[in-house]
Protein backbone atom coordinates (compact mmCIF):
# COMPACT_ATOMS: atom_id res chain seq x y z
CA MET A 1 141.64 149.06 170.60
CA THR A 2 144.17 146.74 169.08
CA GLN A 3 143.25 145.39 165.59
CA LYS A 4 143.80 141.68 165.10
CA LYS A 5 145.83 140.45 162.17
CA ASN A 6 144.16 138.21 159.61
CA PRO A 7 146.43 135.23 159.11
CA HIS A 8 144.96 134.61 155.59
CA LEU A 9 145.94 137.97 154.23
CA LYS A 10 149.29 138.42 152.59
CA ILE A 11 151.09 141.58 151.76
CA VAL A 12 151.89 141.60 148.06
CA LYS A 13 154.96 143.48 147.15
CA PRO A 14 154.82 145.37 143.88
CA PRO A 15 157.08 143.85 141.28
CA GLU A 16 160.23 145.62 140.64
CA ASP A 17 160.19 145.02 136.83
CA LEU A 18 157.17 146.82 135.30
CA GLU A 19 158.31 145.93 131.78
CA GLU A 20 157.99 142.24 132.62
CA ILE A 21 154.41 142.84 133.77
CA LYS A 22 153.57 144.50 130.46
CA LYS A 23 155.07 141.59 128.55
CA GLN A 24 153.10 139.03 130.56
CA THR A 25 149.88 141.02 130.13
CA GLY A 26 150.47 141.24 126.38
CA ARG A 27 151.09 137.50 126.16
CA LEU A 28 147.87 136.79 128.05
CA ARG A 29 145.90 139.07 125.75
CA ARG A 30 147.38 137.51 122.61
CA GLU A 31 146.68 134.04 123.94
CA LYS A 32 143.06 135.01 124.63
CA VAL A 33 142.65 136.45 121.12
CA ARG A 34 144.24 133.35 119.61
CA ARG A 35 141.81 131.07 121.50
CA ILE A 36 138.86 133.18 120.34
CA LEU A 37 140.05 133.06 116.72
CA VAL A 38 140.60 129.30 116.87
CA MET A 39 137.09 128.78 118.25
CA ALA A 40 135.62 131.07 115.58
CA VAL A 41 137.39 129.13 112.81
CA ILE A 42 136.20 125.82 114.25
CA ILE A 43 132.60 127.10 114.39
CA ILE A 44 132.78 128.44 110.82
CA LEU A 45 134.23 125.16 109.54
CA ALA A 46 131.55 123.21 111.37
CA VAL A 47 128.77 125.37 109.93
CA CYS A 48 130.22 125.20 106.41
CA GLY A 49 130.75 121.46 106.71
CA THR A 50 127.18 120.94 107.87
CA TYR A 51 125.87 123.16 105.05
CA LEU A 52 127.86 121.30 102.39
CA LEU A 53 126.85 117.96 103.85
CA LEU A 54 123.16 118.86 103.72
CA LYS A 55 123.47 120.51 100.31
CA ASN A 56 125.25 117.60 98.65
CA GLN A 57 123.15 114.75 99.97
CA SER A 58 120.54 112.71 98.14
CA TYR A 59 116.96 113.22 99.33
CA GLY A 60 113.98 110.95 98.91
CA GLN A 61 111.06 113.28 99.63
CA ALA A 62 109.85 116.73 98.67
CA ARG A 63 107.53 118.35 101.21
CA LEU A 64 105.35 121.43 100.90
CA ALA A 65 106.58 124.47 102.83
CA THR A 66 103.94 126.93 101.62
CA GLU A 67 101.71 127.61 98.64
CA TYR A 68 100.28 130.72 97.00
CA LYS A 69 97.06 130.22 95.07
CA ASN A 70 95.98 132.17 92.01
CA ASP A 71 92.59 131.84 90.35
CA ILE A 72 93.88 131.07 86.86
CA SER A 73 92.28 128.58 84.50
CA ASP A 74 93.69 129.60 81.11
CA SER A 75 96.64 127.92 79.46
CA ASN A 76 99.75 129.89 80.42
CA ASN A 77 103.50 129.66 80.03
CA TYR A 78 106.01 130.70 82.68
CA ALA A 79 109.60 131.88 82.86
CA SER A 80 111.81 133.06 85.72
CA PHE A 81 112.87 136.71 85.64
CA ALA A 82 114.27 139.31 88.08
CA GLY A 83 113.52 137.30 91.22
CA GLY A 84 109.94 136.63 90.13
CA PHE A 85 108.03 134.93 87.33
CA ILE A 86 106.67 135.92 83.94
CA ARG A 87 103.27 134.50 83.04
CA TYR A 88 102.50 134.88 79.36
CA SER A 89 99.78 133.64 77.04
CA ARG A 90 97.93 134.65 73.88
CA ASP A 91 96.05 137.33 75.83
CA GLY A 92 98.60 138.97 78.06
CA VAL A 93 101.90 139.18 79.93
CA VAL A 94 101.97 139.32 83.74
CA PHE A 95 104.88 139.76 86.16
CA LEU A 96 104.48 137.86 89.45
CA ASN A 97 106.46 138.21 92.66
CA LYS A 98 107.63 135.33 94.87
CA LYS A 99 104.19 135.13 96.49
CA ASN A 100 102.43 134.70 93.14
CA GLU A 101 101.04 138.23 93.38
CA GLU A 102 100.53 140.18 90.17
CA GLN A 103 102.89 143.18 89.99
CA TRP A 104 101.66 144.40 86.61
CA ILE A 105 99.51 143.16 83.72
CA GLN A 106 99.97 143.95 80.03
CA PRO A 107 97.19 142.86 77.65
CA VAL A 108 98.42 141.58 74.26
CA GLN A 109 96.99 139.68 71.32
CA LEU A 110 99.35 136.92 70.17
CA GLN A 111 98.49 133.77 68.26
CA ASN A 112 101.72 131.89 69.04
CA PRO A 113 103.71 133.63 71.81
CA ILE A 114 107.45 133.03 72.15
CA ILE A 115 109.76 134.57 74.75
CA GLU A 116 113.42 135.56 75.08
CA VAL A 117 114.70 136.46 78.56
CA ARG A 118 117.84 138.31 79.65
CA ASP A 119 118.89 139.50 83.10
CA GLU A 120 117.38 142.99 82.79
CA ALA A 121 114.84 142.73 79.96
CA PHE A 122 112.70 140.24 78.07
CA ALA A 123 110.73 140.21 74.84
CA VAL A 124 107.54 138.37 73.91
CA ALA A 125 106.77 137.97 70.20
CA ASP A 126 104.10 136.45 67.98
CA ASN A 127 105.82 133.63 66.10
CA GLY A 128 104.54 133.89 62.54
CA GLY A 129 102.94 137.25 63.33
CA ASN A 130 104.20 140.83 63.38
CA SER A 131 104.21 141.97 67.04
CA ILE A 132 107.07 142.14 69.55
CA PHE A 133 106.68 143.52 73.09
CA VAL A 134 109.72 144.53 75.15
CA PHE A 135 109.54 144.52 78.96
CA THR A 136 111.63 145.25 82.03
CA GLU A 137 110.87 144.49 85.67
CA ASP A 138 108.78 147.68 85.75
CA GLY A 139 106.53 146.72 82.83
CA LEU A 140 106.19 147.46 79.12
CA LYS A 141 109.15 149.34 77.65
CA GLY A 142 108.07 149.38 74.01
CA GLU A 143 106.22 147.69 71.18
CA ILE A 144 107.60 146.73 67.76
CA GLU A 145 105.61 146.01 64.59
CA THR A 146 107.36 144.14 61.78
CA THR A 147 106.53 144.14 58.07
CA LEU A 148 107.21 140.42 57.63
CA PRO A 149 106.34 137.36 59.78
CA ILE A 150 108.58 136.78 62.79
CA GLU A 151 110.60 133.56 62.90
CA LYS A 152 113.11 134.09 65.73
CA ILE A 153 114.04 136.92 68.09
CA THR A 154 116.79 137.88 70.51
CA VAL A 155 116.92 140.74 73.02
CA SER A 156 119.70 142.58 74.86
CA ASN A 157 119.67 143.93 78.41
CA GLN A 158 118.91 147.41 77.04
CA GLY A 159 115.85 146.13 75.17
CA ILE A 160 117.40 146.11 71.69
CA VAL A 161 115.71 143.39 69.62
CA SER A 162 116.99 141.54 66.55
CA ALA A 163 114.64 139.30 64.59
CA ILE A 164 114.74 136.90 61.66
CA LEU A 165 111.79 137.77 59.43
CA LYS A 166 110.43 135.21 56.99
CA ASN A 167 110.56 135.81 53.28
CA GLU A 168 110.65 132.96 50.77
CA ASN A 169 113.66 134.02 48.74
CA SER A 170 115.27 136.77 50.79
CA PRO A 171 114.72 136.68 54.58
CA ARG A 172 115.64 139.75 56.58
CA ILE A 173 117.40 140.34 59.87
CA MET A 174 116.06 143.48 61.51
CA SER A 175 117.35 145.20 64.63
CA TYR A 176 115.14 147.62 66.58
CA ASP A 177 115.38 149.71 69.68
CA ALA A 178 112.79 149.02 72.38
CA THR A 179 110.33 151.56 70.98
CA GLY A 180 110.33 150.08 67.46
CA ASN A 181 112.80 152.32 65.63
CA ILE A 182 114.84 150.41 63.05
CA LEU A 183 118.54 150.37 63.92
CA VAL A 184 119.85 147.95 61.28
CA GLU A 185 118.20 146.27 58.30
CA GLN A 186 119.98 143.32 56.70
CA GLN A 187 118.64 141.89 53.45
CA ILE A 188 119.90 138.30 53.27
CA THR A 189 120.97 136.92 49.91
CA MET A 190 120.58 133.18 50.28
CA ASN A 191 122.89 132.39 47.36
CA THR A 192 125.65 134.35 49.09
CA LEU A 193 125.17 133.79 52.83
CA GLY A 194 122.58 131.01 53.23
CA TYR A 195 119.43 130.88 55.34
CA PRO A 196 119.67 132.27 58.91
CA THR A 197 118.99 129.52 61.47
CA ALA A 198 119.99 131.19 64.76
CA LEU A 199 120.89 134.60 66.13
CA GLU A 200 121.86 136.14 69.46
CA LEU A 201 122.69 139.62 70.74
CA SER A 202 125.40 140.35 73.28
CA ASP A 203 124.33 141.71 76.67
CA ASP A 204 125.01 145.31 75.62
CA GLY A 205 123.50 144.89 72.14
CA THR A 206 126.65 145.84 70.19
CA ILE A 207 127.44 142.34 68.85
CA LEU A 208 125.02 140.21 66.83
CA ALA A 209 125.97 136.59 66.10
CA VAL A 210 124.13 134.83 63.27
CA SER A 211 124.37 131.27 61.93
CA TYR A 212 123.50 130.61 58.28
CA LEU A 213 122.84 127.23 56.64
CA TYR A 214 123.78 126.60 53.01
CA THR A 215 124.84 123.86 50.61
CA GLN A 216 127.94 123.63 48.47
CA GLY A 217 127.61 120.86 45.94
CA THR A 218 126.39 117.92 47.97
CA SER A 219 127.86 119.23 51.24
CA LEU A 220 125.87 120.90 54.00
CA LYS A 221 127.67 123.80 55.62
CA SER A 222 127.10 126.43 58.30
CA ARG A 223 128.45 129.96 58.21
CA VAL A 224 128.77 131.83 61.52
CA ILE A 225 129.12 135.61 61.31
CA TYR A 226 129.62 138.15 64.10
CA TYR A 227 128.46 141.70 63.36
CA ASN A 228 129.76 144.60 65.43
CA PHE A 229 127.51 147.68 65.44
CA GLY A 230 129.95 149.69 67.56
CA GLU A 231 133.01 151.67 66.49
CA THR A 232 135.05 148.56 65.62
CA GLY A 233 132.46 147.32 63.13
CA GLN A 234 132.08 150.67 61.36
CA GLU A 235 135.38 150.04 59.58
CA GLU A 236 134.28 146.63 58.26
CA THR A 237 132.06 145.72 55.30
CA ASP A 238 128.48 145.22 56.52
CA ASN A 239 129.87 145.41 60.10
CA LYS A 240 131.24 141.83 59.79
CA VAL A 241 134.15 141.26 62.15
CA THR A 242 134.30 137.44 62.29
CA THR A 243 133.32 134.71 59.81
CA ASP A 244 133.82 130.96 60.25
CA ILE A 245 132.68 127.99 58.15
CA TYR A 246 131.63 124.61 59.60
CA ASP A 247 131.39 121.55 57.36
CA ASN A 248 128.67 118.89 57.63
CA THR A 249 126.92 120.36 60.62
CA VAL A 250 123.93 122.58 61.36
CA MET A 251 124.90 125.32 63.83
CA ALA A 252 121.40 125.79 65.24
CA ASP A 253 121.86 127.70 68.50
CA ILE A 254 123.94 130.61 69.81
CA PHE A 255 124.20 132.15 73.26
CA PHE A 256 126.45 134.55 75.14
CA MET A 257 128.11 133.77 78.47
CA GLY A 258 128.72 137.31 79.60
CA ASN A 259 129.66 140.04 77.15
CA ASN A 260 133.01 138.64 75.98
CA ARG A 261 132.30 134.92 75.54
CA SER A 262 129.78 133.16 73.31
CA VAL A 263 128.98 129.61 72.23
CA VAL A 264 127.68 128.27 68.92
CA ILE A 265 125.96 124.88 69.11
CA GLY A 266 125.92 122.43 66.21
CA ASP A 267 124.24 119.06 65.82
CA ASN A 268 127.52 117.26 66.62
CA CYS A 269 129.81 119.88 68.17
CA PHE A 270 130.06 123.28 69.81
CA ALA A 271 132.49 126.17 69.46
CA ILE A 272 133.51 128.78 72.03
CA TYR A 273 134.32 132.35 70.97
CA ARG A 274 136.06 134.98 73.06
CA GLY A 275 136.25 138.74 72.60
CA SER A 276 133.86 141.65 73.06
CA ASP A 277 134.83 143.56 69.87
CA ILE A 278 136.16 140.92 67.47
CA PRO A 279 135.15 137.46 68.73
CA GLU A 280 137.65 134.72 67.93
CA LYS A 281 137.11 130.99 68.11
CA VAL A 282 139.23 129.58 70.94
CA SER A 283 137.84 126.05 71.22
CA GLU A 284 135.83 123.52 69.22
CA VAL A 285 134.53 120.39 70.96
CA GLN A 286 133.09 117.31 69.26
CA ILE A 287 130.08 115.78 71.01
CA GLY A 288 129.89 112.39 69.31
CA GLN A 289 126.29 111.65 70.36
CA GLU A 290 122.82 112.84 69.44
CA ILE A 291 121.94 116.06 71.26
CA ARG A 292 118.46 116.05 72.79
CA SER A 293 118.62 119.42 74.56
CA VAL A 294 121.02 122.22 75.46
CA PHE A 295 121.13 124.42 78.57
CA HIS A 296 123.61 126.95 79.89
CA SER A 297 124.50 129.66 82.38
CA ASP A 298 127.30 132.24 82.38
CA ARG A 299 129.58 129.52 83.82
CA TYR A 300 128.50 126.23 82.27
CA ILE A 301 127.42 124.60 79.00
CA GLY A 302 125.21 121.53 79.36
CA PHE A 303 123.77 118.81 77.15
CA ILE A 304 121.29 115.98 77.43
CA LEU A 305 122.55 113.30 75.03
CA LEU A 306 121.00 110.08 73.78
CA ASN A 307 123.01 107.08 74.93
CA ARG A 308 124.45 105.14 72.02
CA ASP A 309 124.56 101.55 73.15
CA LYS A 310 122.03 101.47 75.98
CA SER A 311 118.75 102.98 77.06
CA GLY A 312 118.47 106.27 78.86
CA TYR A 313 120.31 109.53 78.50
CA GLU A 314 123.62 111.13 79.36
CA LEU A 315 123.97 114.40 81.24
CA ARG A 316 127.16 116.17 80.23
CA LEU A 317 128.51 119.49 81.50
CA TYR A 318 131.39 121.68 80.29
CA ASN A 319 133.00 124.77 81.78
CA ARG A 320 133.58 128.10 80.00
CA SER A 321 136.83 126.81 78.50
CA GLY A 322 135.19 123.76 76.95
CA ASN A 323 136.56 121.24 79.45
CA GLN A 324 134.19 118.46 80.45
CA ILE A 325 133.47 118.51 84.19
CA LEU A 326 130.47 116.16 84.50
CA ASN A 327 129.27 113.04 82.77
CA ARG A 328 126.56 110.84 84.27
CA GLU A 329 123.59 108.75 83.19
CA ILE A 330 119.98 109.76 83.82
CA ASP A 331 116.92 107.57 83.37
CA GLY A 332 114.07 109.99 82.73
CA ASP A 333 113.18 111.86 79.56
CA TYR A 334 112.77 115.49 80.65
CA SER A 335 111.46 118.13 78.26
CA ASN A 336 112.69 121.03 80.44
CA VAL A 337 116.28 121.38 81.61
CA LYS A 338 117.93 124.41 83.21
CA ILE A 339 120.95 125.19 85.33
CA ASP A 340 120.33 127.29 88.42
CA GLY A 341 123.49 128.18 90.32
CA ASP A 342 125.34 124.92 90.94
CA GLU A 343 122.36 122.62 90.29
CA ILE A 344 120.79 121.19 87.15
CA ILE A 345 116.99 121.06 87.38
CA MET A 346 115.08 118.76 85.00
CA TYR A 347 111.32 118.32 84.88
CA ASP A 348 108.54 116.97 82.71
CA GLY A 349 104.90 116.80 83.77
CA SER A 350 105.05 116.17 87.52
CA ASN A 351 108.40 114.36 87.44
CA CYS A 352 111.52 116.15 88.59
CA CYS A 353 115.23 115.39 88.82
CA ILE A 354 117.91 117.57 90.45
CA VAL A 355 121.64 116.90 89.95
CA THR A 356 124.50 118.99 91.34
CA ILE A 357 127.37 120.09 89.10
CA THR A 358 129.54 117.60 90.98
CA GLY A 359 127.30 114.76 89.79
CA ILE A 360 125.31 114.04 92.96
CA LEU A 361 121.71 112.96 92.30
CA LYS A 362 120.06 115.25 94.80
CA TYR A 363 116.44 114.34 94.12
CA GLU A 364 114.40 112.27 91.70
CA GLY A 365 110.66 111.84 92.09
CA ASP A 366 107.09 112.91 91.49
CA LEU A 367 105.96 116.30 92.86
CA ASP A 368 102.24 115.50 92.40
CA VAL A 369 101.62 118.65 90.36
CA GLU A 370 102.25 119.59 86.75
CA ILE A 371 105.46 121.65 86.76
CA LEU A 372 105.36 124.67 84.45
CA GLU A 373 108.43 126.41 85.90
CA MET A 374 110.88 125.53 88.65
CA SER A 375 113.80 127.35 90.28
CA ARG A 376 115.76 127.49 93.52
CA ALA A 377 114.33 129.45 96.44
CA ALA A 378 116.04 131.15 99.38
CA GLY A 379 117.13 128.69 102.05
CA LEU A 380 118.71 125.28 102.03
CA ASN A 381 117.20 122.72 99.63
CA ARG A 382 114.12 124.85 98.90
CA TYR A 383 112.55 125.36 95.46
CA TYR A 384 109.78 127.28 93.74
CA VAL A 385 107.39 125.11 91.73
CA MET A 386 104.91 126.91 89.50
CA SER A 387 101.82 125.02 88.35
CA VAL A 388 98.62 126.08 86.58
CA ASP A 389 96.96 127.84 89.53
CA GLU A 390 99.51 127.98 92.34
CA LEU A 391 103.10 128.67 93.30
CA ARG A 392 104.53 126.16 95.75
CA VAL A 393 107.63 126.36 97.88
CA ILE A 394 108.94 122.87 98.56
CA TYR A 395 111.88 121.56 100.54
CA LEU A 396 113.81 118.32 100.22
CA THR A 397 114.08 115.92 103.12
CA LYS A 398 115.11 112.37 103.89
């Protein structure tokens, strides 16, 4: 039987140049990969653009996402720590997770509790009393009993504690390990050094910065001393590695921004020091306005200042080098100010204000609950708000 030919079929002759086929195939593959990469970049840019647009907008409402109740009626204080919250009062210290669930409870007896928090440890002390308790995320690490009343404390990530102890004529600065063993005892001679007004330990506990206030004639002066308790300081008298004098100012606050940078705050200026063994002053910045409050992170130094010639306040932010990066007016008077990532969170009572480090007023309003602690939560424009008996998660919306 004779087979009919299909007129639509064509006989394709194999190409004579196989190398040309390989080149064409390679070009097609590269073109396909290029198109895929271009589309991926476009998608990534679109997602990032949308994220930045939503993140840097102003929002008029704060809505409740969820809430976690806790049957608490006593007066408590709160602080953020290790992805959760510390609840502390005269009767005890409690660590809460992000669902307001108690992870551990440590009973204490404190008349006037104060707290100092680092990334890996925190200490709660009885201001005017003699007890200091050192904690980590896992609970109590140690207890310290002092022989003189406690005035101020600082703690390192390892749980080392330094404290200013009150004494009328000769205050002391004591340093302890977390279990209460004395590491360093410094008897302060006020006629020689002055009265200690601020102190701060470095993250690793090897450097202690102390500010002393004294008078010379009719002039008020501050003396800032850095003590090194490591190998470098062993060669120096009383472990002093840096001493600077400031005229006509009270240097009343000190904090570290990482282990090799620290800041000393005065009533009209601040100074930045750099160095992990022998800190050296690298910058001094004049403020020129009355300082109402100070806040900081490892990247930024912030101030709330009283406006000179008009009502309201000024929010001012500096980077680690002392360069001003933000200056804007704010209307409210907020007793609590903190920087969380790239946002400045201010609150007082039920009122809240959030400003980005680029100066965008992200939110300003009433949250209808007394705010005891507030921080950013996972997700876009979401925040934890701790009140007396509940932890809320809110989100910002138009």
